[in-house]
C-alpha atoms as a PDB file:
ATOM      1  CA  MET A   1       7.082 -30.027  20.023  1.00  0.00           C
ATOM      2  CA  THR A   2       6.173 -27.247  17.608  1.00  0.00           C
ATOM      3  CA  ASP A   3       6.464 -27.703  13.874  1.00  0.00           C
ATOM      4  CA  PRO A   4       9.591 -25.805  12.699  1.00  0.00           C
ATOM      5  CA  ARG A   5       8.264 -25.574   9.166  1.00  0.00           C
ATOM      6  CA  VAL A   6       6.643 -22.456   7.771  1.00  0.00           C
ATOM      7  CA  SER A   7       2.862 -22.636   7.351  1.00  0.00           C
ATOM      8  CA  LYS A   8       1.480 -23.399   3.886  1.00  0.00           C
ATOM      9  CA  GLU A   9       0.054 -19.875   3.599  1.00  0.00           C
ATOM     10  CA  ASP A  10       3.392 -18.273   4.493  1.00  0.00           C
ATOM     11  CA  TYR A  11       5.176 -20.687   2.140  1.00  0.00           C
ATOM     12  CA  TYR A  12       2.983 -19.735  -0.823  1.00  0.00           C
ATOM     13  CA  LEU A  13       3.075 -16.022   0.057  1.00  0.00           C
ATOM     14  CA  GLY A  14       6.877 -16.282   0.180  1.00  0.00           C
ATOM     15  CA  ILE A  15       6.899 -17.665  -3.345  1.00  0.00           C
ATOM     16  CA  ALA A  16       4.518 -14.884  -4.450  1.00  0.00           C
ATOM     17  CA  ARG A  17       7.001 -12.426  -2.891  1.00  0.00           C
ATOM     18  CA  GLU A  18       9.750 -13.814  -5.148  1.00  0.00           C
ATOM     19  CA  VAL A  19       7.448 -13.615  -8.174  1.00  0.00           C
ATOM     20  CA  ALA A  20       6.789  -9.949  -7.302  1.00  0.00           C
ATOM     21  CA  ARG A  21      10.500  -9.217  -7.731  1.00  0.00           C
ATOM     22  CA  ARG A  22       9.893  -9.466 -11.516  1.00  0.00           C
ATOM     23  CA  SER A  23       7.366  -6.597 -11.432  1.00  0.00           C
ATOM     24  CA  THR A  24       8.051  -3.625 -13.669  1.00  0.00           C
ATOM     25  CA  CYS A  25       5.696  -1.187 -11.909  1.00  0.00           C
ATOM     26  CA  PHE A  26       7.075   1.928 -10.202  1.00  0.00           C
ATOM     27  CA  ARG A  27       4.171   2.087  -7.742  1.00  0.00           C
ATOM     28  CA  ARG A  28       3.931  -1.484  -6.452  1.00  0.00           C
ATOM     29  CA  SER A  29       5.764  -4.778  -6.820  1.00  0.00           C
ATOM     30  CA  ILE A  30       3.016  -7.387  -6.940  1.00  0.00           C
ATOM     31  CA  GLY A  31       3.268 -11.127  -7.462  1.00  0.00           C
ATOM     32  CA  ALA A  32       0.454 -13.661  -7.657  1.00  0.00           C
ATOM     33  CA  LEU A  33       0.488 -17.409  -7.348  1.00  0.00           C
ATOM     34  CA  ILE A  34      -2.363 -19.832  -8.010  1.00  0.00           C
ATOM     35  CA  VAL A  35      -2.452 -23.131  -6.146  1.00  0.00           C
ATOM     36  CA  ARG A  36      -4.828 -25.986  -6.902  1.00  0.00           C
ATOM     37  CA  ASP A  37      -4.820 -29.265  -4.995  1.00  0.00           C
ATOM     38  CA  ASP A  38      -1.711 -28.105  -3.102  1.00  0.00           C
ATOM     39  CA  GLN A  39       0.211 -27.640  -6.358  1.00  0.00           C
ATOM     40  CA  ILE A  40       1.377 -24.378  -7.899  1.00  0.00           C
ATOM     41  CA  VAL A  41      -0.323 -24.124 -11.288  1.00  0.00           C
ATOM     42  CA  SER A  42       0.432 -20.540 -12.316  1.00  0.00           C
ATOM     43  CA  THR A  43       2.244 -17.338 -11.421  1.00  0.00           C
ATOM     44  CA  GLY A  44       2.047 -13.755 -12.571  1.00  0.00           C
ATOM     45  CA  TYR A  45       3.545 -10.378 -11.771  1.00  0.00           C
ATOM     46  CA  ALA A  46       2.642  -6.776 -12.565  1.00  0.00           C
ATOM     47  CA  GLY A  47       4.179  -5.986 -15.919  1.00  0.00           C
ATOM     48  CA  ALA A  48       3.569  -4.797 -19.456  1.00  0.00           C
ATOM     49  CA  PRO A  49       2.027  -7.150 -22.015  1.00  0.00           C
ATOM     50  CA  ARG A  50       4.453  -9.522 -23.716  1.00  0.00           C
ATOM     51  CA  LYS A  51       6.731  -7.949 -26.319  1.00  0.00           C
ATOM     52  CA  THR A  52       5.888  -4.373 -25.271  1.00  0.00           C
ATOM     53  CA  ARG A  53       7.907  -1.786 -23.362  1.00  0.00           C
ATOM     54  CA  ASP A  54       7.254  -1.576 -19.637  1.00  0.00           C
ATOM     55  CA  SER A  55       7.415   1.400 -17.273  1.00  0.00           C
ATOM     56  CA  LEU A  56      11.025   0.654 -16.332  1.00  0.00           C
ATOM     57  CA  GLU A  57      12.047   0.777 -19.994  1.00  0.00           C
ATOM     58  CA  HIS A  58      10.099   4.020 -20.428  1.00  0.00           C
ATOM     59  CA  GLY A  59      11.737   5.378 -17.265  1.00  0.00           C
ATOM     60  CA  SER A  60       8.456   6.624 -15.869  1.00  0.00           C
ATOM     61  CA  CYS A  61       4.911   5.778 -14.865  1.00  0.00           C
ATOM     62  CA  LEU A  62       2.284   7.432 -17.043  1.00  0.00           C
ATOM     63  CA  ARG A  63      -0.247   7.517 -14.187  1.00  0.00           C
ATOM     64  CA  ASP A  64       2.324   9.245 -11.947  1.00  0.00           C
ATOM     65  CA  LYS A  65       3.044  11.771 -14.712  1.00  0.00           C
ATOM     66  CA  LEU A  66      -0.670  12.512 -15.011  1.00  0.00           C
ATOM     67  CA  GLY A  67      -1.132  12.737 -11.217  1.00  0.00           C
ATOM     68  CA  ILE A  68      -3.644   9.891 -11.108  1.00  0.00           C
ATOM     69  CA  PRO A  69      -4.224   8.542  -7.572  1.00  0.00           C
ATOM     70  CA  HIS A  70      -3.791   4.875  -6.671  1.00  0.00           C
ATOM     71  CA  GLY A  71      -6.847   2.773  -7.509  1.00  0.00           C
ATOM     72  CA  GLN A  72      -8.049   4.956 -10.371  1.00  0.00           C
ATOM     73  CA  ARG A  73      -7.862   4.966 -14.170  1.00  0.00           C
ATOM     74  CA  TYR A  74      -6.253   1.536 -14.520  1.00  0.00           C
ATOM     75  CA  GLU A  75      -6.890   1.675 -18.265  1.00  0.00           C
ATOM     76  CA  LEU A  76      -3.972   4.136 -18.496  1.00  0.00           C
ATOM     77  CA  CYS A  77      -1.529   1.770 -16.822  1.00  0.00           C
ATOM     78  CA  ARG A  78       1.043  -0.012 -19.001  1.00  0.00           C
ATOM     79  CA  SER A  79       0.980  -3.044 -16.729  1.00  0.00           C
ATOM     80  CA  VAL A  80      -1.231  -6.069 -16.609  1.00  0.00           C
ATOM     81  CA  HIS A  81      -1.950  -6.820 -12.947  1.00  0.00           C
ATOM     82  CA  ALA A  82      -0.267  -9.807 -11.314  1.00  0.00           C
ATOM     83  CA  GLU A  83      -3.623 -11.485 -10.697  1.00  0.00           C
ATOM     84  CA  GLN A  84      -4.597 -11.072 -14.341  1.00  0.00           C
ATOM     85  CA  ASN A  85      -1.249 -12.418 -15.540  1.00  0.00           C
ATOM     86  CA  ALA A  86      -1.547 -15.490 -13.293  1.00  0.00           C
ATOM     87  CA  ILE A  87      -4.986 -16.239 -14.735  1.00  0.00           C
ATOM     88  CA  ILE A  88      -3.804 -15.575 -18.303  1.00  0.00           C
ATOM     89  CA  ASN A  89      -0.687 -17.734 -17.859  1.00  0.00           C
ATOM     90  CA  ALA A  90      -2.835 -20.644 -16.654  1.00  0.00           C
ATOM     91  CA  ALA A  91      -5.057 -20.253 -19.729  1.00  0.00           C
ATOM     92  CA  ARG A  92      -2.014 -20.218 -22.031  1.00  0.00           C
ATOM     93  CA  ALA A  93      -0.931 -23.524 -20.463  1.00  0.00           C
ATOM     94  CA  GLY A  94      -4.430 -25.036 -20.594  1.00  0.00           C
ATOM     95  CA  VAL A  95      -4.665 -25.337 -16.801  1.00  0.00           C
ATOM     96  CA  SER A  96      -8.012 -25.210 -14.995  1.00  0.00           C
ATOM     97  CA  LEU A  97      -8.198 -22.926 -11.975  1.00  0.00           C
ATOM     98  CA  LEU A  98     -11.551 -24.189 -10.677  1.00  0.00           C
ATOM     99  CA  GLY A  99     -11.396 -24.629  -6.928  1.00  0.00           C
ATOM    100  CA  GLY A 100      -7.947 -23.083  -6.603  1.00  0.00           C
ATOM    101  CA  ASP A 101      -6.569 -20.408  -4.306  1.00  0.00           C
ATOM    102  CA  MET A 102      -4.657 -17.252  -5.218  1.00  0.00           C
ATOM    103  CA  TYR A 103      -1.828 -15.825  -3.120  1.00  0.00           C
ATOM    104  CA  ILE A 104      -0.885 -12.189  -3.692  1.00  0.00           C
ATOM    105  CA  PHE A 105       2.156 -10.467  -2.244  1.00  0.00           C
ATOM    106  CA  GLY A 106       2.813  -6.772  -2.631  1.00  0.00           C
ATOM    107  CA  SER A 107       5.604  -4.447  -1.586  1.00  0.00           C
ATOM    108  CA  ASP A 108       6.776  -0.905  -2.099  1.00  0.00           C
ATOM    109  CA  PRO A 109       9.435  -1.097  -4.844  1.00  0.00           C
ATOM    110  CA  GLU A 110      11.600   1.560  -3.174  1.00  0.00           C
ATOM    111  CA  THR A 111      11.566   0.349   0.437  1.00  0.00           C
ATOM    112  CA  GLY A 112      10.610  -3.304   0.036  1.00  0.00           C
ATOM    113  CA  ALA A 113       8.032  -2.857   2.816  1.00  0.00           C
ATOM    114  CA  PRO A 114       4.947  -5.061   2.491  1.00  0.00           C
ATOM    115  CA  VAL A 115       1.746  -3.378   1.344  1.00  0.00           C
ATOM    116  CA  ASN A 116      -1.910  -4.358   1.319  1.00  0.00           C
ATOM    117  CA  ALA A 117      -2.153  -6.467  -1.820  1.00  0.00           C
ATOM    118  CA  PHE A 118      -5.922  -6.637  -2.229  1.00  0.00           C
ATOM    119  CA  PRO A 119      -7.257  -7.220  -5.750  1.00  0.00           C
ATOM    120  CA  CYS A 120      -8.778  -4.286  -7.606  1.00  0.00           C
ATOM    121  CA  PHE A 121     -12.356  -4.406  -8.809  1.00  0.00           C
ATOM    122  CA  ILE A 122     -11.378  -5.625 -12.291  1.00  0.00           C
ATOM    123  CA  CYS A 123      -9.223  -8.427 -10.861  1.00  0.00           C
ATOM    124  CA  LYS A 124     -12.006  -9.442  -8.461  1.00  0.00           C
ATOM    125  CA  LYS A 125     -14.339 -10.009 -11.419  1.00  0.00           C
ATOM    126  CA  MET A 126     -11.712 -12.138 -13.167  1.00  0.00           C
ATOM    127  CA  ILE A 127     -11.013 -14.134  -9.981  1.00  0.00           C
ATOM    128  CA  ILE A 128     -14.732 -14.879  -9.569  1.00  0.00           C
ATOM    129  CA  ASN A 129     -15.075 -16.014 -13.196  1.00  0.00           C
ATOM    130  CA  ALA A 130     -11.906 -18.125 -12.998  1.00  0.00           C
ATOM    131  CA  GLY A 131     -13.573 -20.218 -10.293  1.00  0.00           C
ATOM    132  CA  LEU A 132     -11.080 -19.512  -7.533  1.00  0.00           C
ATOM    133  CA  VAL A 133     -12.186 -20.113  -3.936  1.00  0.00           C
ATOM    134  CA  ARG A 134      -9.872 -18.076  -1.703  1.00  0.00           C
ATOM    135  CA  VAL A 135      -7.484 -15.168  -2.073  1.00  0.00           C
ATOM    136  CA  VAL A 136      -4.691 -14.774   0.488  1.00  0.00           C
ATOM    137  CA  CYS A 137      -3.226 -11.257   0.450  1.00  0.00           C
ATOM    138  CA  SER A 138      -0.191  -9.748   2.114  1.00  0.00           C
ATOM    139  CA  THR A 139      -0.929  -6.806   4.412  1.00  0.00           C
ATOM    140  CA  SER A 140       1.049  -3.696   5.239  1.00  0.00           C
ATOM    141  CA  GLY A 141       1.752  -4.971   8.755  1.00  0.00           C
ATOM    142  CA  GLY A 142       3.672  -7.938   7.366  1.00  0.00           C
ATOM    143  CA  GLY A 143       0.862 -10.431   7.876  1.00  0.00           C
ATOM    144  CA  SER A 144      -1.852 -11.689   5.589  1.00  0.00           C
ATOM    145  CA  THR A 145      -5.600 -11.868   5.277  1.00  0.00           C
ATOM    146  CA  VAL A 146      -7.822 -14.474   3.654  1.00  0.00           C
ATOM    147  CA  LEU A 147     -10.694 -13.378   1.418  1.00  0.00           C
ATOM    148  CA  LEU A 148     -13.424 -15.768   0.283  1.00  0.00           C
ATOM    149  CA  VAL A 149     -14.436 -15.298  -3.327  1.00  0.00           C
ATOM    150  CA  GLU A 150     -17.974 -16.476  -2.600  1.00  0.00           C
ATOM    151  CA  ASP A 151     -18.350 -13.521  -0.195  1.00  0.00           C
ATOM    152  CA  TRP A 152     -17.712 -11.125  -3.110  1.00  0.00           C
ATOM    153  CA  ALA A 153     -20.226 -12.891  -5.335  1.00  0.00           C
ATOM    154  CA  ARG A 154     -22.821 -12.991  -2.527  1.00  0.00           C
ATOM    155  CA  ALA A 155     -22.375  -9.284  -1.783  1.00  0.00           C
ATOM    156  CA  TRP A 156     -22.839  -8.476  -5.466  1.00  0.00           C
ATOM    157  CA  ARG A 157     -25.931 -10.695  -5.736  1.00  0.00           C
ATOM    158  CA  GLU A 158     -27.503  -8.970  -2.736  1.00  0.00           C
ATOM    159  CA  GLY A 159     -26.395  -5.454  -3.641  1.00  0.00           C
ATOM    160  CA  ASP A 160     -25.316  -3.710  -6.770  1.00  0.00           C
ATOM    161  CA  ILE A 161     -22.072  -4.775  -8.454  1.00  0.00           C
ATOM    162  CA  LEU A 162     -21.232  -1.134  -9.140  1.00  0.00           C
ATOM    163  CA  ASP A 163     -21.913   1.852  -6.975  1.00  0.00           C
ATOM    164  CA  ASP A 164     -20.613   5.386  -6.721  1.00  0.00           C
ATOM    165  CA  THR A 165     -18.510   4.887  -3.585  1.00  0.00           C
ATOM    166  CA  HIS A 166     -16.871   1.450  -3.979  1.00  0.00           C
ATOM    167  CA  GLN A 167     -15.988   1.297  -7.660  1.00  0.00           C
ATOM    168  CA  TYR A 168     -12.733  -0.528  -7.046  1.00  0.00           C
ATOM    169  CA  GLY A 169     -13.886  -2.764  -4.223  1.00  0.00           C
END
């Protein structure tokens, strides 16, 4: 008999999907969840820093107004990425992330269709330093992919951490 329950990865990605519903980004709804020892220890979504106005309150996205393509000039974005917020929220609660896994779900805010929710270059650096082991990301086809954080660190040890063609990973 087959197990009627959802897999652990789909379970955690489903929770990350709900977290993403809090996003205040016009471009992507992203939610992140950190699990350690099979326990949820932190969540985060794409949104403005605490006690500041977000893109929804402004009624526009500054990067859209300036015609900035996806994956570029993140310093002009009002939002803190979901991955960053999950790491920050764990720190605020005094929770260690060492050995944990991150689950990231992303969707198009207009259609609700899943998108590739791979971490940007800045988030990858934070994920490595937080001591996470795996990152499970939603994909545009409705599935998911598992990324090993050690693979990123190994690639950067063997090559250059920054280059002129893969600046955002």
